[in-house]
Protein backbone atom coordinates (compact mmCIF):
# COMPACT_ATOMS: atom_id res chain seq x y z
CA UNK A 1 -16.59 56.35 -95.78
CA UNK A 2 -18.37 54.23 -98.38
CA UNK A 3 -22.19 53.88 -98.66
CA UNK A 4 -22.44 50.47 -96.99
CA UNK A 5 -20.50 51.54 -93.90
CA UNK A 6 -22.65 54.57 -93.49
CA UNK A 7 -25.88 52.46 -93.85
CA UNK A 8 -24.47 49.85 -91.44
CA UNK A 9 -23.78 52.70 -88.91
CA UNK A 10 -27.21 54.24 -89.14
CA UNK A 11 -28.76 50.75 -88.73
CA UNK A 12 -26.66 50.20 -85.54
CA UNK A 13 -27.64 53.63 -84.11
CA UNK A 14 -31.25 52.99 -84.81
CA UNK A 15 -31.17 49.43 -83.27
CA UNK A 16 -29.43 50.77 -80.26
CA UNK A 17 -31.90 53.52 -79.69
CA UNK A 18 -34.86 51.08 -79.96
CA UNK A 19 -33.28 48.72 -77.57
CA UNK A 20 -32.60 51.57 -75.04
CA UNK A 21 -36.31 52.67 -75.50
CA UNK A 22 -37.53 49.22 -74.85
CA UNK A 23 -35.28 48.87 -71.80
CA UNK A 24 -36.53 51.96 -70.16
CA UNK A 25 -40.09 51.13 -71.04
CA UNK A 26 -40.12 47.95 -68.90
CA UNK A 27 -41.01 47.73 -65.18
CA UNK A 28 -41.33 44.74 -62.72
CA UNK A 29 -43.58 43.71 -59.89
CA UNK A 30 -42.23 41.44 -57.12
CA UNK A 31 -44.16 38.48 -55.99
CA UNK A 32 -46.89 39.49 -53.46
CA UNK A 33 -47.22 42.88 -55.07
CA UNK A 34 -50.12 44.62 -57.10
CA UNK A 35 -49.38 47.63 -59.21
CA UNK A 36 -51.23 50.26 -61.17
CA UNK A 37 -49.53 52.52 -63.80
CA UNK A 38 -48.68 56.15 -63.07
CA UNK A 39 -47.71 58.50 -65.94
CA UNK A 40 -45.15 60.90 -64.71
CA UNK A 41 -45.76 63.52 -67.35
CA UNK A 42 -49.59 63.65 -67.16
CA UNK A 43 -49.81 62.68 -63.59
CA UNK A 44 -52.60 60.15 -64.49
CA UNK A 45 -53.18 56.89 -62.59
CA UNK A 46 -54.18 53.86 -64.78
CA UNK A 47 -57.22 51.79 -64.26
CA UNK A 48 -55.83 48.30 -64.73
CA UNK A 49 -54.31 46.20 -61.95
CA UNK A 50 -51.16 44.29 -62.66
CA UNK A 51 -49.83 41.31 -60.65
CA UNK A 52 -46.38 40.19 -60.22
CA UNK A 53 -44.26 39.96 -63.37
CA UNK A 54 -42.40 42.07 -66.00
CA UNK A 55 -44.33 44.49 -68.04
CA UNK A 56 -43.78 46.82 -71.01
CA UNK A 57 -45.57 49.88 -69.82
CA UNK A 58 -43.89 52.78 -71.61
CA UNK A 59 -40.95 55.12 -71.01
CA UNK A 60 -42.97 57.84 -69.17
CA UNK A 61 -44.76 55.35 -66.81
CA UNK A 62 -44.04 53.60 -63.54
CA UNK A 63 -45.81 51.31 -61.11
CA UNK A 64 -47.52 52.47 -57.88
CA UNK A 65 -46.98 49.37 -55.84
CA UNK A 66 -49.30 47.90 -53.29
CA UNK A 67 -48.76 44.65 -51.06
CA UNK A 68 -50.82 41.65 -52.09
CA UNK A 69 -50.53 40.06 -48.69
CA UNK A 70 -52.11 40.92 -45.32
CA UNK A 71 -50.67 44.07 -43.81
CA UNK A 72 -50.81 44.97 -40.15
CA UNK A 73 -50.63 48.46 -39.01
CA UNK A 74 -50.08 48.87 -35.19
CA UNK A 75 -50.14 52.15 -33.15
CA UNK A 76 -48.88 51.13 -29.69
CA UNK A 77 -45.82 50.91 -27.22
CA UNK A 78 -45.00 47.37 -28.51
CA UNK A 79 -41.42 46.87 -29.93
CA UNK A 80 -42.95 45.47 -33.14
CA UNK A 81 -45.44 48.32 -33.61
CA UNK A 82 -45.18 50.42 -36.81
CA UNK A 83 -46.13 53.66 -34.98
CA UNK A 84 -46.41 55.30 -31.63
CA UNK A 85 -49.74 55.22 -29.84
CA UNK A 86 -52.20 57.93 -31.01
CA UNK A 87 -52.43 60.78 -28.64
CA UNK A 88 -55.61 63.01 -28.38
CA UNK A 89 -57.81 64.84 -25.92
CA UNK A 90 -61.45 64.45 -24.86
CA UNK A 91 -64.00 67.33 -24.99
CA UNK A 92 -63.10 68.07 -21.47
CA UNK A 93 -59.44 68.38 -22.30
CA UNK A 94 -58.21 65.16 -20.63
CA UNK A 95 -55.29 63.43 -22.45
CA UNK A 96 -55.99 59.96 -24.06
CA UNK A 97 -53.43 57.68 -25.53
CA UNK A 98 -54.98 55.11 -28.11
CA UNK A 99 -53.33 51.81 -28.87
CA UNK A 100 -54.86 50.58 -32.15
CA UNK A 101 -54.14 47.73 -34.41
CA UNK A 102 -55.77 46.85 -37.69
CA UNK A 103 -55.07 44.55 -40.76
CA UNK A 104 -55.90 45.20 -44.36
CA UNK A 105 -55.53 43.40 -47.70
CA UNK A 106 -56.18 44.85 -51.12
CA UNK A 107 -58.10 42.43 -53.26
CA UNK A 108 -57.75 42.46 -57.07
């Protein structure tokens, strides 16, 4: 192999590695999502809030995703409920079944 071919091969390998590193360093958030970064190695949550879009956050990080719209959580017997009713007992031992519904929205 001559010198120019070897240099060309090394440059191609380096460019390929840089491109792969850039591709695994990117993450996206869908519309109506907020995200904060999470480092998978150090297990540390970031302090910045990201809105929908594509971000270069690093190869060891990912997003913890939260909804940006109003979310309803319902505990009842309804077909559209997210969970079953909450079951508990009073101080006297009587059974109680609680149907609860609440909504939340995370503000940036």
